[in-house]
Amino acid sequence: MSFPNILTAFAAAVCANDGTALGALFTPEGTYADEFFGCYTGRPAIAEMLQRFHDTGRDYRWDFIDPVRDGDLAYARFRFSFASRVAGCEGKPVMFEGISQFRLVGNLIERYSEAFDRGVALAQLDFPAERIKRVVEKAAIAQNASPAARAHLDRFATPG
């Protein structure tokens, strides 16, 4: 399957809340690292995570743009939208753009991850600034805890 076809099947499965179809695009121990819901490993867990999507939103649309694949690593920009089902935000439309990274084994996804501005999504839900700040701070803490981030940040801990 070509990478553009993987993207088409991925987006269709997400929008249709078809966890079986989405999981089938992954290796049996594949991981979906979602910026809101966290990491889910294994096809059943990925299907469960997709249900969380649909419990908190409806009318999904996911467009992948400019796909690029080099061996087992692939990227695509994306535009993603939905209407909220979150209590107090019902029906509010949310749209944001980001970048998806796919680590592939053959034509199956070993790991999916993404990067986008959470604040842009949360602001569209009219979350209070303090709530957005807590979400973004939690993401910063997680990011900065990685060994790669520590190599950048620890150099500032030394006086001088």
N, C-alpha and C. Protein backbone atom coordinates (compact mmCIF):
# COMPACT_ATOMS: atom_id res chain seq x y z
N MET A 1 0.86 -1.18 0.00
CA MET A 1 0.00 0.00 0.00
C MET A 1 0.90 1.23 0.00
N SER A 2 0.60 2.19 -0.83
CA SER A 2 1.38 3.43 -0.88
C SER A 2 1.10 4.27 0.37
N PHE A 3 2.03 5.17 0.70
CA PHE A 3 1.82 6.02 1.86
C PHE A 3 0.56 6.88 1.71
N PRO A 4 0.31 7.50 0.55
CA PRO A 4 -0.95 8.24 0.41
C PRO A 4 -2.19 7.36 0.67
N ASN A 5 -2.14 6.10 0.27
CA ASN A 5 -3.28 5.19 0.53
C ASN A 5 -3.39 4.87 2.01
N ILE A 6 -2.25 4.75 2.71
CA ILE A 6 -2.28 4.55 4.17
C ILE A 6 -2.96 5.76 4.82
N LEU A 7 -2.60 6.96 4.38
CA LEU A 7 -3.20 8.17 4.94
C LEU A 7 -4.70 8.22 4.69
N THR A 8 -5.12 7.86 3.50
CA THR A 8 -6.55 7.86 3.18
C THR A 8 -7.30 6.88 4.07
N ALA A 9 -6.74 5.68 4.23
CA ALA A 9 -7.38 4.67 5.08
C ALA A 9 -7.38 5.10 6.55
N PHE A 10 -6.30 5.72 7.00
CA PHE A 10 -6.17 6.20 8.37
C PHE A 10 -7.26 7.23 8.66
N ALA A 11 -7.35 8.25 7.80
CA ALA A 11 -8.33 9.32 8.00
C ALA A 11 -9.76 8.77 7.94
N ALA A 12 -10.01 7.87 7.00
CA ALA A 12 -11.36 7.30 6.87
C ALA A 12 -11.74 6.51 8.12
N ALA A 13 -10.81 5.74 8.66
CA ALA A 13 -11.09 4.95 9.86
C ALA A 13 -11.36 5.86 11.05
N VAL A 14 -10.56 6.90 11.20
CA VAL A 14 -10.78 7.83 12.32
C VAL A 14 -12.15 8.49 12.19
N CYS A 15 -12.45 9.01 11.04
CA CYS A 15 -13.71 9.74 10.86
C CYS A 15 -14.93 8.84 11.02
N ALA A 16 -14.80 7.57 10.66
CA ALA A 16 -15.91 6.63 10.75
C ALA A 16 -15.98 5.93 12.12
N ASN A 17 -15.04 6.24 13.02
CA ASN A 17 -14.94 5.57 14.31
C ASN A 17 -14.84 4.06 14.11
N ASP A 18 -13.99 3.66 13.17
CA ASP A 18 -13.77 2.25 12.87
C ASP A 18 -12.43 1.83 13.48
N GLY A 19 -12.48 1.48 14.76
CA GLY A 19 -11.27 1.10 15.49
C GLY A 19 -10.61 -0.14 14.93
N THR A 20 -11.39 -1.07 14.41
CA THR A 20 -10.81 -2.28 13.82
C THR A 20 -10.00 -1.92 12.58
N ALA A 21 -10.56 -1.06 11.73
CA ALA A 21 -9.84 -0.65 10.52
C ALA A 21 -8.60 0.17 10.86
N LEU A 22 -8.72 1.08 11.84
CA LEU A 22 -7.55 1.86 12.24
C LEU A 22 -6.48 0.94 12.81
N GLY A 23 -6.86 0.05 13.71
CA GLY A 23 -5.90 -0.87 14.30
C GLY A 23 -5.21 -1.74 13.27
N ALA A 24 -5.93 -2.13 12.23
CA ALA A 24 -5.37 -2.99 11.18
C ALA A 24 -4.25 -2.29 10.40
N LEU A 25 -4.20 -0.97 10.46
CA LEU A 25 -3.13 -0.23 9.79
C LEU A 25 -1.83 -0.27 10.59
N PHE A 26 -1.89 -0.71 11.84
CA PHE A 26 -0.74 -0.75 12.74
C PHE A 26 -0.19 -2.17 12.85
N THR A 27 1.09 -2.26 13.21
CA THR A 27 1.64 -3.55 13.58
C THR A 27 0.90 -4.02 14.83
N PRO A 28 0.94 -5.31 15.16
CA PRO A 28 0.22 -5.77 16.35
C PRO A 28 0.59 -5.03 17.63
N GLU A 29 1.83 -4.60 17.75
CA GLU A 29 2.27 -3.84 18.93
C GLU A 29 2.52 -2.37 18.59
N GLY A 30 1.88 -1.88 17.54
CA GLY A 30 2.05 -0.49 17.13
C GLY A 30 1.54 0.47 18.19
N THR A 31 2.05 1.69 18.13
CA THR A 31 1.70 2.72 19.11
C THR A 31 1.13 3.94 18.40
N TYR A 32 0.04 4.45 18.94
CA TYR A 32 -0.56 5.71 18.52
C TYR A 32 -0.33 6.69 19.65
N ALA A 33 0.53 7.69 19.42
CA ALA A 33 0.84 8.71 20.42
C ALA A 33 0.01 9.95 20.10
N ASP A 34 -1.08 10.11 20.83
CA ASP A 34 -2.01 11.22 20.60
C ASP A 34 -1.65 12.38 21.53
N GLU A 35 -1.64 13.58 21.01
CA GLU A 35 -1.25 14.77 21.78
C GLU A 35 -2.23 15.10 22.90
N PHE A 36 -3.48 14.67 22.80
CA PHE A 36 -4.45 14.91 23.86
C PHE A 36 -4.61 13.70 24.78
N PHE A 37 -4.71 12.50 24.19
CA PHE A 37 -5.09 11.32 24.96
C PHE A 37 -3.91 10.46 25.40
N GLY A 38 -2.70 10.72 24.91
CA GLY A 38 -1.54 9.94 25.32
C GLY A 38 -1.23 8.81 24.35
N CYS A 39 -0.38 7.88 24.81
CA CYS A 39 0.08 6.76 23.98
C CYS A 39 -0.79 5.53 24.20
N TYR A 40 -1.12 4.89 23.11
CA TYR A 40 -1.88 3.64 23.13
C TYR A 40 -1.14 2.63 22.28
N THR A 41 -0.83 1.48 22.87
CA THR A 41 -0.05 0.46 22.18
C THR A 41 -0.88 -0.80 22.01
N GLY A 42 -0.86 -1.32 20.80
CA GLY A 42 -1.63 -2.52 20.45
C GLY A 42 -2.94 -2.15 19.80
N ARG A 43 -3.38 -3.00 18.91
CA ARG A 43 -4.59 -2.72 18.14
C ARG A 43 -5.84 -2.50 19.00
N PRO A 44 -6.08 -3.33 20.03
CA PRO A 44 -7.27 -3.08 20.87
C PRO A 44 -7.21 -1.73 21.59
N ALA A 45 -6.02 -1.35 22.06
CA ALA A 45 -5.88 -0.07 22.76
C ALA A 45 -6.08 1.10 21.80
N ILE A 46 -5.62 0.96 20.58
CA ILE A 46 -5.80 2.02 19.58
C ILE A 46 -7.29 2.18 19.27
N ALA A 47 -8.01 1.07 19.15
CA ALA A 47 -9.46 1.14 18.93
C ALA A 47 -10.16 1.81 20.11
N GLU A 48 -9.70 1.52 21.32
CA GLU A 48 -10.27 2.15 22.52
C GLU A 48 -10.03 3.66 22.51
N MET A 49 -8.81 4.06 22.12
CA MET A 49 -8.49 5.49 22.05
C MET A 49 -9.38 6.18 21.02
N LEU A 50 -9.61 5.53 19.89
CA LEU A 50 -10.46 6.13 18.86
C LEU A 50 -11.88 6.34 19.40
N GLN A 51 -12.35 5.42 20.22
CA GLN A 51 -13.67 5.61 20.81
C GLN A 51 -13.68 6.85 21.70
N ARG A 52 -12.58 7.12 22.40
CA ARG A 52 -12.49 8.33 23.22
C ARG A 52 -12.63 9.57 22.33
N PHE A 53 -12.00 9.54 21.13
CA PHE A 53 -12.17 10.64 20.17
C PHE A 53 -13.66 10.92 20.00
N HIS A 54 -14.39 9.86 19.69
CA HIS A 54 -15.79 10.01 19.32
C HIS A 54 -16.70 10.25 20.52
N ASP A 55 -16.22 9.93 21.71
CA ASP A 55 -16.97 10.28 22.91
C ASP A 55 -16.87 11.78 23.19
N THR A 56 -15.80 12.41 22.73
CA THR A 56 -15.57 13.84 23.02
C THR A 56 -15.76 14.74 21.81
N GLY A 57 -16.08 14.15 20.66
CA GLY A 57 -16.28 14.95 19.45
C GLY A 57 -17.13 14.20 18.44
N ARG A 58 -17.53 14.92 17.40
CA ARG A 58 -18.34 14.32 16.32
C ARG A 58 -18.00 15.03 15.02
N ASP A 59 -18.46 14.47 13.94
CA ASP A 59 -18.29 15.08 12.61
C ASP A 59 -16.82 15.38 12.30
N TYR A 60 -16.00 14.36 12.47
CA TYR A 60 -14.56 14.52 12.22
C TYR A 60 -14.25 14.65 10.74
N ARG A 61 -13.21 15.43 10.47
CA ARG A 61 -12.62 15.51 9.13
C ARG A 61 -11.11 15.61 9.33
N TRP A 62 -10.37 14.80 8.59
CA TRP A 62 -8.91 14.78 8.71
C TRP A 62 -8.34 14.76 7.31
N ASP A 63 -7.71 15.86 6.93
CA ASP A 63 -7.06 15.96 5.63
C ASP A 63 -5.55 15.91 5.82
N PHE A 64 -4.90 15.00 5.11
CA PHE A 64 -3.44 14.94 5.09
C PHE A 64 -2.95 15.64 3.84
N ILE A 65 -1.86 16.39 4.00
CA ILE A 65 -1.35 17.25 2.93
C ILE A 65 0.16 17.02 2.78
N ASP A 66 0.64 17.03 1.57
CA ASP A 66 2.08 16.94 1.28
C ASP A 66 2.75 15.72 1.90
N PRO A 67 2.26 14.53 1.66
CA PRO A 67 2.89 13.34 2.24
C PRO A 67 4.28 13.10 1.65
N VAL A 68 5.18 12.67 2.54
CA VAL A 68 6.56 12.36 2.14
C VAL A 68 6.97 11.08 2.87
N ARG A 69 7.56 10.15 2.12
CA ARG A 69 8.05 8.91 2.73
C ARG A 69 9.48 8.67 2.29
N ASP A 70 10.31 8.33 3.26
CA ASP A 70 11.69 7.94 2.98
C ASP A 70 11.95 6.66 3.75
N GLY A 71 11.82 5.54 3.08
CA GLY A 71 11.99 4.25 3.73
C GLY A 71 10.89 4.01 4.75
N ASP A 72 11.30 3.81 6.01
CA ASP A 72 10.34 3.51 7.06
C ASP A 72 9.89 4.73 7.85
N LEU A 73 10.25 5.90 7.39
CA LEU A 73 9.84 7.14 8.06
C LEU A 73 9.02 7.97 7.07
N ALA A 74 7.87 8.46 7.54
CA ALA A 74 6.98 9.23 6.67
C ALA A 74 6.36 10.37 7.46
N TYR A 75 6.08 11.45 6.75
CA TYR A 75 5.47 12.64 7.35
C TYR A 75 4.35 13.15 6.45
N ALA A 76 3.42 13.85 7.06
CA ALA A 76 2.40 14.58 6.31
C ALA A 76 1.90 15.72 7.19
N ARG A 77 1.68 16.86 6.57
CA ARG A 77 0.96 17.93 7.28
C ARG A 77 -0.49 17.50 7.36
N PHE A 78 -1.22 18.08 8.32
CA PHE A 78 -2.63 17.75 8.39
C PHE A 78 -3.46 18.95 8.81
N ARG A 79 -4.73 18.85 8.47
CA ARG A 79 -5.77 19.78 8.92
C ARG A 79 -6.86 18.88 9.50
N PHE A 80 -7.27 19.17 10.73
CA PHE A 80 -8.16 18.29 11.48
C PHE A 80 -9.28 19.12 12.08
N SER A 81 -10.52 18.64 11.98
CA SER A 81 -11.63 19.40 12.55
C SER A 81 -12.70 18.45 13.09
N PHE A 82 -13.49 19.00 14.02
CA PHE A 82 -14.59 18.26 14.62
C PHE A 82 -15.48 19.24 15.37
N ALA A 83 -16.63 18.75 15.78
CA ALA A 83 -17.52 19.50 16.68
C ALA A 83 -17.42 18.85 18.04
N SER A 84 -17.30 19.65 19.07
CA SER A 84 -17.09 19.15 20.42
C SER A 84 -18.32 18.47 21.01
N ARG A 85 -18.05 17.46 21.82
CA ARG A 85 -19.06 16.84 22.68
C ARG A 85 -18.69 17.02 24.15
N VAL A 86 -17.65 17.79 24.41
CA VAL A 86 -17.19 18.02 25.78
C VAL A 86 -18.25 18.85 26.51
N ALA A 87 -18.56 18.45 27.75
CA ALA A 87 -19.57 19.15 28.54
C ALA A 87 -19.23 20.64 28.63
N GLY A 88 -20.23 21.46 28.33
CA GLY A 88 -20.05 22.90 28.35
C GLY A 88 -19.54 23.47 27.04
N CYS A 89 -19.11 22.60 26.15
CA CYS A 89 -18.57 23.04 24.85
C CYS A 89 -19.28 22.34 23.69
N GLU A 90 -20.43 21.75 23.95
CA GLU A 90 -21.14 20.97 22.96
C GLU A 90 -21.37 21.76 21.68
N GLY A 91 -21.01 21.14 20.56
CA GLY A 91 -21.27 21.72 19.25
C GLY A 91 -20.24 22.72 18.77
N LYS A 92 -19.32 23.15 19.63
CA LYS A 92 -18.33 24.14 19.20
C LYS A 92 -17.39 23.50 18.18
N PRO A 93 -17.20 24.18 17.03
CA PRO A 93 -16.28 23.64 16.04
C PRO A 93 -14.82 23.92 16.43
N VAL A 94 -13.97 22.94 16.15
CA VAL A 94 -12.55 23.05 16.42
C VAL A 94 -11.81 22.64 15.16
N MET A 95 -10.82 23.43 14.75
CA MET A 95 -9.98 23.09 13.61
C MET A 95 -8.56 23.49 13.95
N PHE A 96 -7.62 22.60 13.66
CA PHE A 96 -6.21 22.93 13.85
C PHE A 96 -5.38 22.19 12.82
N GLU A 97 -4.16 22.67 12.66
CA GLU A 97 -3.22 22.08 11.71
C GLU A 97 -2.01 21.57 12.45
N GLY A 98 -1.37 20.58 11.87
CA GLY A 98 -0.18 20.02 12.49
C GLY A 98 0.60 19.16 11.52
N ILE A 99 1.49 18.36 12.10
CA ILE A 99 2.34 17.45 11.33
C ILE A 99 2.25 16.07 11.96
N SER A 100 2.09 15.05 11.13
CA SER A 100 2.07 13.67 11.58
C SER A 100 3.37 12.99 11.17
N GLN A 101 3.87 12.14 12.07
CA GLN A 101 5.03 11.32 11.76
C GLN A 101 4.61 9.86 11.87
N PHE A 102 4.99 9.07 10.89
CA PHE A 102 4.70 7.65 10.87
C PHE A 102 6.02 6.89 10.77
N ARG A 103 6.24 5.97 11.69
CA ARG A 103 7.32 5.00 11.57
C ARG A 103 6.66 3.73 11.06
N LEU A 104 7.12 3.27 9.92
CA LEU A 104 6.47 2.15 9.25
C LEU A 104 7.36 0.91 9.27
N VAL A 105 6.72 -0.23 9.30
CA VAL A 105 7.37 -1.52 9.07
C VAL A 105 6.66 -2.09 7.87
N GLY A 106 7.32 -2.01 6.72
CA GLY A 106 6.63 -2.34 5.48
C GLY A 106 5.55 -1.32 5.26
N ASN A 107 4.32 -1.79 5.18
CA ASN A 107 3.19 -0.89 5.00
C ASN A 107 2.29 -0.82 6.23
N LEU A 108 2.84 -1.21 7.38
CA LEU A 108 2.09 -1.09 8.63
C LEU A 108 2.75 -0.03 9.50
N ILE A 109 1.94 0.63 10.30
CA ILE A 109 2.42 1.70 11.18
C ILE A 109 2.94 1.07 12.47
N GLU A 110 4.19 1.35 12.77
CA GLU A 110 4.78 0.91 14.04
C GLU A 110 4.54 1.95 15.13
N ARG A 111 4.62 3.23 14.71
CA ARG A 111 4.37 4.32 15.66
C ARG A 111 3.84 5.53 14.90
N TYR A 112 2.75 6.07 15.41
CA TYR A 112 2.19 7.31 14.90
C TYR A 112 2.36 8.36 15.99
N SER A 113 2.85 9.54 15.62
CA SER A 113 2.91 10.67 16.54
C SER A 113 2.59 11.93 15.76
N GLU A 114 2.34 13.00 16.50
CA GLU A 114 1.89 14.23 15.86
C GLU A 114 2.39 15.43 16.65
N ALA A 115 2.42 16.55 15.98
CA ALA A 115 2.76 17.81 16.63
C ALA A 115 1.77 18.87 16.15
N PHE A 116 1.15 19.55 17.11
CA PHE A 116 0.25 20.65 16.81
C PHE A 116 0.14 21.52 18.04
N ASP A 117 -0.41 22.69 17.90
CA ASP A 117 -0.55 23.62 19.01
C ASP A 117 -1.84 23.32 19.76
N ARG A 118 -1.71 22.68 20.92
CA ARG A 118 -2.89 22.34 21.72
C ARG A 118 -3.69 23.59 22.08
N GLY A 119 -2.99 24.68 22.35
CA GLY A 119 -3.66 25.91 22.75
C GLY A 119 -4.64 26.40 21.70
N VAL A 120 -4.29 26.25 20.43
CA VAL A 120 -5.19 26.67 19.35
C VAL A 120 -6.49 25.86 19.41
N ALA A 121 -6.37 24.56 19.65
CA ALA A 121 -7.57 23.72 19.74
C ALA A 121 -8.40 24.09 20.96
N LEU A 122 -7.75 24.25 22.10
CA LEU A 122 -8.47 24.51 23.35
C LEU A 122 -9.11 25.90 23.38
N ALA A 123 -8.46 26.87 22.76
CA ALA A 123 -9.02 28.22 22.71
C ALA A 123 -10.35 28.24 21.96
N GLN A 124 -10.48 27.39 20.94
CA GLN A 124 -11.71 27.33 20.16
C GLN A 124 -12.87 26.74 20.96
N LEU A 125 -12.54 26.04 22.04
CA LEU A 125 -13.56 25.50 22.93
C LEU A 125 -13.94 26.50 24.01
N ASP A 126 -13.32 27.68 23.97
CA ASP A 126 -13.53 28.73 24.98
C ASP A 126 -13.15 28.28 26.38
N PHE A 127 -12.13 27.39 26.46
CA PHE A 127 -11.64 27.01 27.78
C PHE A 127 -11.06 28.25 28.45
N PRO A 128 -11.21 28.38 29.75
CA PRO A 128 -10.60 29.50 30.46
C PRO A 128 -9.07 29.43 30.33
N ALA A 129 -8.44 30.58 30.34
CA ALA A 129 -6.98 30.66 30.16
C ALA A 129 -6.24 29.77 31.15
N GLU A 130 -6.70 29.71 32.38
CA GLU A 130 -6.02 28.89 33.40
C GLU A 130 -6.08 27.41 33.04
N ARG A 131 -7.18 26.96 32.48
CA ARG A 131 -7.30 25.55 32.07
C ARG A 131 -6.38 25.25 30.90
N ILE A 132 -6.32 26.16 29.93
CA ILE A 132 -5.41 25.98 28.80
C ILE A 132 -3.97 25.95 29.30
N LYS A 133 -3.65 26.85 30.23
CA LYS A 133 -2.30 26.89 30.78
C LYS A 133 -1.94 25.56 31.43
N ARG A 134 -2.83 24.96 32.19
CA ARG A 134 -2.54 23.68 32.85
C ARG A 134 -2.25 22.59 31.82
N VAL A 135 -3.03 22.54 30.75
CA VAL A 135 -2.83 21.53 29.70
C VAL A 135 -1.47 21.74 29.03
N VAL A 136 -1.17 22.99 28.70
CA VAL A 136 0.09 23.28 28.00
C VAL A 136 1.28 23.05 28.93
N GLU A 137 1.14 23.42 30.20
CA GLU A 137 2.23 23.17 31.16
C GLU A 137 2.50 21.67 31.32
N LYS A 138 1.47 20.88 31.37
CA LYS A 138 1.63 19.43 31.48
C LYS A 138 2.39 18.89 30.26
N ALA A 139 2.05 19.39 29.08
CA ALA A 139 2.74 18.97 27.86
C ALA A 139 4.21 19.40 27.90
N ALA A 140 4.49 20.60 28.39
CA ALA A 140 5.87 21.08 28.48
C ALA A 140 6.67 20.23 29.45
N ILE A 141 6.08 19.87 30.57
CA ILE A 141 6.77 19.02 31.56
C ILE A 141 7.12 17.67 30.94
N ALA A 142 6.17 17.06 30.25
CA ALA A 142 6.41 15.76 29.62
C ALA A 142 7.50 15.88 28.56
N GLN A 143 7.42 16.91 27.73
CA GLN A 143 8.43 17.11 26.69
C GLN A 143 9.81 17.30 27.30
N ASN A 144 9.90 18.13 28.31
CA ASN A 144 11.20 18.49 28.88
C ASN A 144 11.80 17.40 29.76
N ALA A 145 11.04 16.35 30.05
CA ALA A 145 11.55 15.24 30.84
C ALA A 145 12.35 14.24 30.01
N SER A 146 12.25 14.31 28.69
CA SER A 146 12.95 13.34 27.85
C SER A 146 14.46 13.57 27.91
N PRO A 147 15.24 12.51 27.76
CA PRO A 147 16.70 12.68 27.76
C PRO A 147 17.19 13.66 26.70
N ALA A 148 16.56 13.66 25.53
CA ALA A 148 16.99 14.59 24.48
C ALA A 148 16.75 16.03 24.89
N ALA A 149 15.61 16.29 25.55
CA ALA A 149 15.33 17.65 26.01
C ALA A 149 16.28 18.04 27.13
N ARG A 150 16.58 17.09 28.01
CA ARG A 150 17.49 17.39 29.13
C ARG A 150 18.84 17.85 28.60
N ALA A 151 19.32 17.28 27.50
CA ALA A 151 20.60 17.70 26.92
C ALA A 151 20.57 19.18 26.54
N HIS A 152 19.42 19.68 26.18
CA HIS A 152 19.27 21.10 25.86
C HIS A 152 19.12 21.95 27.11
N LEU A 153 18.33 21.47 28.05
CA LEU A 153 17.95 22.31 29.20
C LEU A 153 18.92 22.27 30.37
N ASP A 154 19.56 21.14 30.60
CA ASP A 154 20.45 21.03 31.76
C ASP A 154 21.62 21.99 31.69
N ARG A 155 22.02 22.40 30.52
CA ARG A 155 23.14 23.32 30.39
C ARG A 155 22.82 24.70 31.00
N PHE A 156 21.54 24.99 31.17
CA PHE A 156 21.16 26.26 31.77
C PHE A 156 21.11 26.20 33.31
N ALA A 157 21.20 24.99 33.85
CA ALA A 157 21.14 24.82 35.30
C ALA A 157 22.47 25.16 35.97
N THR A 158 23.54 25.19 35.20
CA THR A 158 24.86 25.47 35.74
C THR A 158 25.08 26.98 35.76
N PRO A 159 25.38 27.53 36.93
CA PRO A 159 25.64 28.99 36.99
C PRO A 159 26.82 29.36 36.09
N GLY A 160 26.67 30.52 35.49
CA GLY A 160 27.75 31.03 34.86
C GLY A 160 28.17 31.34 33.62
